[in-house]
Amino acid sequence: MLVYLSIITAFSAEVQLFDSNREPVKDYYQKIMNLKFGDLISFSNGVTFHYFGLLNPNDGNQSFVIDIGENRVLRIPRITPETSNQNVYVAYDAPGGTYRYDVEEFSTNYKDPRYRLFAYERGWENFQSWGIPTVNLNSAKSYLPEYIVQEKLNVIFSLVEYIQHLDNPGQINSILNEKIKFLRTHQPDFKSSADINFQTVEKEFFNFCKKTAPLKFATDLHAENIVYTEDRGWLVLDFGSATQRAVFLSDQNLISSSILNLFGAIDYKISNKKLEKFISRIDKTILNQRKDIKLQRRKCRFLWL
């Protein structure tokens, strides 16, 4: 691996993305679009990473996700010509040398894509505190607001794609088999876990739903951000900063809300009746879990006149 990287480095260019003032460099977007396999990308702290591909050139409102090798990806602000004129983030050193945002500034300048890395990290911390499975972040290796280092996952499909094939479990099995075949071919060190099929994926999904029972709301959570991975099963891949705890049994739940948030915006390719049945099963699963963790029943109060 070291020899391979040495060969790449010998023929790669170094591309600076943030200057010494921690501001995006001129033509930031164009430089990202022009990166070539093996190039070095560098930041204001002097740290460099090898570039092995842009994983979401056209997807994601908040971040670019870059493959940096060794089963890691780099999440950096998605600053495009359309967003470059938004409010500018002013950096400062907080006590202890920790780099943090001021809440008032955050509210004022939230549209600045660089702020959204802070929101992403805060959301991740919230989900972690509730024990909800998420992608793993390496906070010690990250440098906000410029980049976040996180694990690279073998994503097989999103919750949206899963729902689209509910009428045809055989198609889900085909997707699973093709993905595992691809990973075995392209990743020599890939080791598949026990047999994965529609039944195991379904069982894991409803176990995942149970883990989300303590929360009723999370910003920027929709069905495309909930994914099934070969590595770690179902988890949340993307999120905003805010979460709200469920207090009553009848409070809405994260999973059904994430599906309904996209209803009408995308075609789930199944009948409304089938989708309603699926959501009803999710609601029942989470309701039973909330009973186990002893949430309250909502009490009705009558006012007699």
Protein backbone atom coordinates (compact mmCIF):
# COMPACT_ATOMS: atom_id res chain seq x y z
CA MET A 1 0.00 0.00 0.00
CA LEU A 2 2.83 2.41 0.91
CA VAL A 3 4.62 1.67 -2.39
CA TYR A 4 1.37 2.23 -4.28
CA LEU A 5 0.83 5.60 -2.58
CA SER A 6 4.44 6.62 -3.21
CA ILE A 7 4.00 5.98 -6.94
CA ILE A 8 0.74 7.97 -7.00
CA THR A 9 2.29 10.86 -5.04
CA ALA A 10 5.18 11.11 -7.51
CA PHE A 11 2.74 11.94 -10.32
CA SER A 12 0.10 13.88 -8.40
CA ALA A 13 -0.58 17.59 -8.06
CA GLU A 14 -1.30 19.31 -4.76
CA VAL A 15 -4.48 21.36 -4.66
CA GLN A 16 -5.12 23.81 -1.81
CA LEU A 17 -8.80 24.20 -0.88
CA PHE A 18 -8.61 26.58 2.12
CA ASP A 19 -6.15 29.41 2.67
CA SER A 20 -4.27 30.34 5.85
CA ASN A 21 -7.27 32.39 7.03
CA ARG A 22 -9.45 29.28 6.71
CA GLU A 23 -11.36 30.81 3.82
CA PRO A 24 -12.18 28.79 0.68
CA VAL A 25 -9.69 29.51 -2.06
CA LYS A 26 -10.69 31.27 -5.24
CA ASP A 27 -12.29 28.85 -7.72
CA TYR A 28 -12.86 26.35 -4.89
CA TYR A 29 -15.66 24.59 -6.79
CA GLN A 30 -13.75 24.43 -10.07
CA LYS A 31 -10.68 23.02 -8.35
CA ILE A 32 -12.75 20.22 -6.85
CA MET A 33 -14.33 19.45 -10.23
CA ASN A 34 -10.87 19.32 -11.85
CA LEU A 35 -9.27 16.96 -9.31
CA LYS A 36 -7.64 13.86 -10.75
CA PHE A 37 -7.15 10.42 -9.25
CA GLY A 38 -4.19 10.52 -6.86
CA ASP A 39 -4.03 14.31 -6.46
CA LEU A 40 -3.28 15.68 -2.99
CA ILE A 41 -5.85 18.01 -1.48
CA SER A 42 -4.61 20.28 1.30
CA PHE A 43 -6.18 22.48 3.95
CA SER A 44 -5.23 25.48 6.08
CA ASN A 45 -3.77 23.26 8.83
CA GLY A 46 -1.27 21.74 6.38
CA VAL A 47 -2.93 18.31 6.37
CA THR A 48 -3.22 16.58 2.99
CA PHE A 49 -5.30 13.69 1.69
CA HIS A 50 -5.11 11.66 -1.50
CA TYR A 51 -8.06 12.12 -3.83
CA PHE A 52 -9.54 8.87 -5.19
CA GLY A 53 -12.83 10.17 -6.50
CA LEU A 54 -15.85 12.38 -5.79
CA LEU A 55 -18.68 10.15 -4.58
CA ASN A 56 -21.55 12.65 -4.90
CA PRO A 57 -20.85 15.16 -7.69
CA ASN A 58 -24.55 15.90 -8.21
CA ASP A 59 -26.14 14.79 -4.92
CA GLY A 60 -26.26 16.42 -1.51
CA ASN A 61 -27.11 20.01 -0.68
CA GLN A 62 -24.55 20.44 2.07
CA SER A 63 -21.34 18.54 1.39
CA PHE A 64 -19.04 17.00 -1.16
CA VAL A 65 -17.96 13.48 -0.17
CA ILE A 66 -14.50 12.44 -1.37
CA ASP A 67 -12.92 8.99 -1.31
CA ILE A 68 -9.50 9.33 0.39
CA GLY A 69 -8.61 5.62 0.58
CA GLU A 70 -8.16 3.23 3.50
CA ASN A 71 -11.96 2.86 3.81
CA ARG A 72 -12.33 6.55 4.66
CA VAL A 73 -14.12 9.47 3.05
CA LEU A 74 -13.74 13.19 3.50
CA ARG A 75 -16.79 15.42 3.90
CA ILE A 76 -16.13 19.02 2.85
CA PRO A 77 -18.48 22.02 2.35
CA ARG A 78 -20.39 22.04 -0.90
CA ILE A 79 -19.58 25.60 -1.98
CA THR A 80 -20.68 26.17 -5.56
CA PRO A 81 -20.99 29.30 -7.71
CA GLU A 82 -24.62 29.42 -6.59
CA THR A 83 -23.76 29.43 -2.87
CA SER A 84 -20.52 31.42 -2.87
CA ASN A 85 -22.29 34.74 -2.30
CA GLN A 86 -23.99 33.60 0.89
CA ASN A 87 -22.91 34.84 4.31
CA VAL A 88 -19.26 34.25 5.11
CA TYR A 89 -18.17 32.28 8.14
CA VAL A 90 -15.87 34.20 10.48
CA ALA A 91 -13.58 31.84 12.36
CA TYR A 92 -12.41 32.27 15.95
CA ASP A 93 -10.55 30.29 18.59
CA ALA A 94 -12.67 29.16 21.50
CA PRO A 95 -11.27 28.53 25.00
CA GLY A 96 -8.87 25.62 25.10
CA GLY A 97 -8.10 26.01 21.42
CA THR A 98 -11.25 24.12 20.37
CA TYR A 99 -12.72 25.46 17.14
CA ARG A 100 -16.44 26.04 17.61
CA TYR A 101 -19.19 28.27 16.26
CA ASP A 102 -21.09 30.92 18.12
CA VAL A 103 -24.80 30.06 18.34
CA GLU A 104 -25.91 33.55 17.27
CA GLU A 105 -23.54 33.55 14.31
CA PHE A 106 -24.70 30.05 13.45
CA SER A 107 -28.32 31.20 13.30
CA THR A 108 -27.45 34.23 11.19
CA ASN A 109 -25.17 32.48 8.74
CA TYR A 110 -26.70 29.01 8.62
CA LYS A 111 -27.05 29.14 4.84
CA ASP A 112 -23.28 29.27 4.51
CA PRO A 113 -22.43 25.65 3.60
CA ARG A 114 -19.41 25.67 5.94
CA TYR A 115 -21.72 26.00 8.92
CA ARG A 116 -23.46 22.83 7.89
CA LEU A 117 -20.46 20.69 8.79
CA PHE A 118 -20.96 21.87 12.37
CA ALA A 119 -24.64 20.98 12.07
CA TYR A 120 -23.69 17.57 10.68
CA GLU A 121 -21.31 16.87 13.57
CA ARG A 122 -23.85 18.03 16.16
CA GLY A 123 -26.51 15.81 14.59
CA TRP A 124 -24.12 12.87 14.68
CA GLU A 125 -23.41 13.49 18.37
CA ASN A 126 -27.15 13.62 19.11
CA PHE A 127 -27.83 10.33 17.35
CA GLN A 128 -24.86 8.71 19.08
CA SER A 129 -26.13 9.82 22.48
CA TRP A 130 -29.43 8.02 21.84
CA GLY A 131 -27.76 4.85 20.58
CA ILE A 132 -29.12 5.17 17.03
CA PRO A 133 -26.79 3.54 14.45
CA THR A 134 -25.01 6.07 12.24
CA VAL A 135 -21.97 6.31 10.02
CA ASN A 136 -18.82 6.61 12.15
CA LEU A 137 -17.02 9.96 12.28
CA ASN A 138 -13.42 10.47 13.33
CA SER A 139 -13.69 13.74 15.24
CA ALA A 140 -10.03 13.63 16.29
CA LYS A 141 -8.92 13.65 12.65
CA SER A 142 -11.52 16.21 11.52
CA TYR A 143 -10.94 19.95 11.24
CA LEU A 144 -14.08 22.06 11.29
CA PRO A 145 -15.33 23.95 9.40
CA GLU A 146 -13.11 22.63 6.61
CA TYR A 147 -13.53 18.85 6.66
CA ILE A 148 -14.82 15.80 8.50
CA VAL A 149 -13.19 12.38 8.23
CA GLN A 150 -15.58 9.43 8.36
CA GLU A 151 -15.74 5.76 7.46
CA LYS A 152 -16.48 4.62 3.93
CA LEU A 153 -19.48 2.33 3.87
CA ASN A 154 -20.54 -0.36 1.43
CA VAL A 155 -24.05 1.00 0.86
CA ILE A 156 -26.35 -1.50 -0.84
CA PHE A 157 -29.52 0.58 -1.02
CA SER A 158 -31.40 3.40 0.67
CA LEU A 159 -34.74 3.07 2.42
CA VAL A 160 -36.35 4.60 -0.68
CA GLU A 161 -34.94 1.86 -2.92
CA TYR A 162 -35.92 -0.79 -0.38
CA ILE A 163 -39.53 0.43 -0.37
CA GLN A 164 -39.59 0.50 -4.16
CA HIS A 165 -38.92 -3.25 -4.22
CA LEU A 166 -41.24 -4.34 -1.41
CA ASP A 167 -43.56 -5.90 -3.99
CA ASN A 168 -40.68 -7.98 -5.32
CA PRO A 169 -38.44 -9.49 -2.59
CA GLY A 170 -36.62 -11.44 -5.30
CA GLN A 171 -35.37 -8.14 -6.74
CA ILE A 172 -33.94 -7.16 -3.34
CA ASN A 173 -32.11 -10.51 -3.23
CA SER A 174 -30.72 -9.83 -6.72
CA ILE A 175 -29.48 -6.37 -5.67
CA LEU A 176 -27.82 -7.88 -2.59
CA ASN A 177 -26.12 -10.61 -4.61
CA GLU A 178 -24.89 -8.20 -7.30
CA LYS A 179 -23.49 -5.77 -4.75
CA ILE A 180 -21.65 -8.46 -2.81
CA LYS A 181 -20.29 -9.89 -6.07
CA PHE A 182 -19.05 -6.41 -7.03
CA LEU A 183 -17.37 -5.90 -3.64
CA ARG A 184 -15.64 -9.27 -3.79
CA THR A 185 -14.29 -8.42 -7.24
CA HIS A 186 -13.15 -4.86 -6.52
CA GLN A 187 -12.08 -5.16 -2.87
CA PRO A 188 -9.65 -8.06 -2.39
CA ASP A 189 -9.86 -7.77 1.42
CA PHE A 190 -13.67 -7.78 1.41
CA LYS A 191 -15.18 -10.49 3.58
CA SER A 192 -18.89 -11.01 3.29
CA SER A 193 -20.81 -11.65 6.48
CA ALA A 194 -23.40 -14.38 6.83
CA ASP A 195 -25.89 -14.85 4.00
CA ILE A 196 -27.92 -11.70 3.42
CA ASN A 197 -31.39 -11.96 1.92
CA PHE A 198 -34.72 -10.18 1.99
CA GLN A 199 -35.75 -11.83 5.26
CA THR A 200 -32.58 -10.83 7.13
CA VAL A 201 -32.72 -7.28 5.75
CA GLU A 202 -36.37 -6.96 6.80
CA LYS A 203 -35.65 -8.29 10.30
CA GLU A 204 -32.70 -5.90 10.68
CA PHE A 205 -34.84 -3.00 9.48
CA PHE A 206 -37.47 -3.40 12.19
CA ASN A 207 -34.76 -3.88 14.83
CA PHE A 208 -33.28 -0.60 13.58
CA CYS A 209 -36.71 1.05 13.90
CA LYS A 210 -36.83 0.05 17.57
CA LYS A 211 -33.54 1.85 18.22
CA THR A 212 -35.03 5.13 16.95
CA ALA A 213 -38.02 4.98 19.35
CA PRO A 214 -36.69 7.60 21.84
CA LEU A 215 -36.81 10.40 19.25
CA LYS A 216 -39.74 12.03 17.49
CA PHE A 217 -37.91 14.51 15.24
CA ALA A 218 -34.54 15.09 13.57
CA THR A 219 -33.75 17.81 11.04
CA ASP A 220 -32.86 16.82 7.49
CA LEU A 221 -33.77 13.18 8.05
CA HIS A 222 -35.52 11.60 5.09
CA ALA A 223 -35.71 8.14 3.62
CA GLU A 224 -32.74 8.65 1.27
CA ASN A 225 -30.50 9.26 4.30
CA ILE A 226 -31.39 5.92 5.88
CA VAL A 227 -29.36 3.18 4.19
CA TYR A 228 -28.67 -0.53 4.35
CA THR A 229 -24.98 -1.36 4.35
CA GLU A 230 -23.20 -4.68 4.00
CA ASP A 231 -20.79 -3.57 6.72
CA ARG A 232 -23.16 -2.60 9.51
CA GLY A 233 -26.76 -3.12 8.45
CA TRP A 234 -29.26 -0.23 8.63
CA LEU A 235 -28.02 3.18 9.76
CA VAL A 236 -28.40 6.93 9.30
CA LEU A 237 -25.97 8.44 6.83
CA ASP A 238 -26.84 12.15 6.92
CA PHE A 239 -28.54 14.48 9.39
CA GLY A 240 -29.00 18.05 10.59
CA SER A 241 -28.20 19.39 14.03
CA ALA A 242 -31.50 19.31 15.91
CA THR A 243 -33.32 16.37 17.48
CA GLN A 244 -36.38 16.17 19.72
CA ARG A 245 -37.06 13.47 22.28
CA ALA A 246 -40.38 11.66 22.24
CA VAL A 247 -42.36 12.18 25.44
CA PHE A 248 -45.65 10.48 24.64
CA LEU A 249 -46.39 7.12 23.08
CA SER A 250 -48.39 8.84 20.34
CA ASP A 251 -45.60 11.23 19.29
CA GLN A 252 -44.55 10.90 15.66
CA ASN A 253 -41.52 8.72 14.93
CA LEU A 254 -38.41 9.31 12.84
CA ILE A 255 -38.82 6.50 10.33
CA SER A 256 -42.43 7.05 9.23
CA SER A 257 -41.78 10.80 9.11
CA SER A 258 -38.69 10.29 6.94
CA ILE A 259 -40.78 8.32 4.42
CA LEU A 260 -43.71 10.75 4.38
CA ASN A 261 -41.36 13.76 4.05
CA LEU A 262 -40.58 12.55 0.51
CA PHE A 263 -44.10 11.43 -0.37
CA GLY A 264 -45.04 13.12 -3.63
CA ALA A 265 -41.47 14.24 -4.26
CA ILE A 266 -40.41 10.77 -5.35
CA ASP A 267 -42.17 7.71 -6.74
CA TYR A 268 -42.06 4.86 -4.25
CA LYS A 269 -43.36 2.61 -7.05
CA ILE A 270 -45.77 0.74 -4.81
CA SER A 271 -49.47 1.29 -4.16
CA ASN A 272 -50.58 3.72 -1.49
CA LYS A 273 -52.25 0.80 0.28
CA LYS A 274 -48.99 -1.16 0.35
CA LEU A 275 -47.10 1.90 1.61
CA GLU A 276 -49.72 2.56 4.30
CA LYS A 277 -49.43 -1.05 5.47
CA PHE A 278 -45.63 -0.77 5.64
CA ILE A 279 -45.79 2.51 7.61
CA SER A 280 -48.42 1.04 9.92
CA ARG A 281 -46.07 -1.83 10.74
CA ILE A 282 -43.27 0.67 11.48
CA ASP A 283 -45.57 2.69 13.76
CA LYS A 284 -46.66 -0.43 15.65
CA THR A 285 -43.06 -1.61 16.09
CA ILE A 286 -41.94 1.76 17.49
CA LEU A 287 -45.05 2.13 19.65
CA ASN A 288 -44.37 -1.24 21.30
CA GLN A 289 -40.75 -0.25 21.87
CA ARG A 290 -41.86 3.02 23.46
CA LYS A 291 -44.06 1.06 25.83
CA ASP A 292 -41.00 -0.95 26.82
CA ILE A 293 -39.04 2.21 27.59
CA LYS A 294 -42.08 3.50 29.49
CA LEU A 295 -43.04 6.65 27.62
CA GLN A 296 -46.22 8.34 28.82
CA ARG A 297 -49.67 8.07 27.38
CA ARG A 298 -51.00 11.45 26.27
CA LYS A 299 -53.69 12.55 28.71
CA CYS A 300 -56.78 14.41 27.51
CA ARG A 301 -58.00 17.31 29.62
CA PHE A 302 -61.56 18.51 29.35
CA LEU A 303 -62.62 22.05 30.15
CA TRP A 304 -66.14 22.23 31.53
CA LEU A 305 -67.88 25.52 30.88
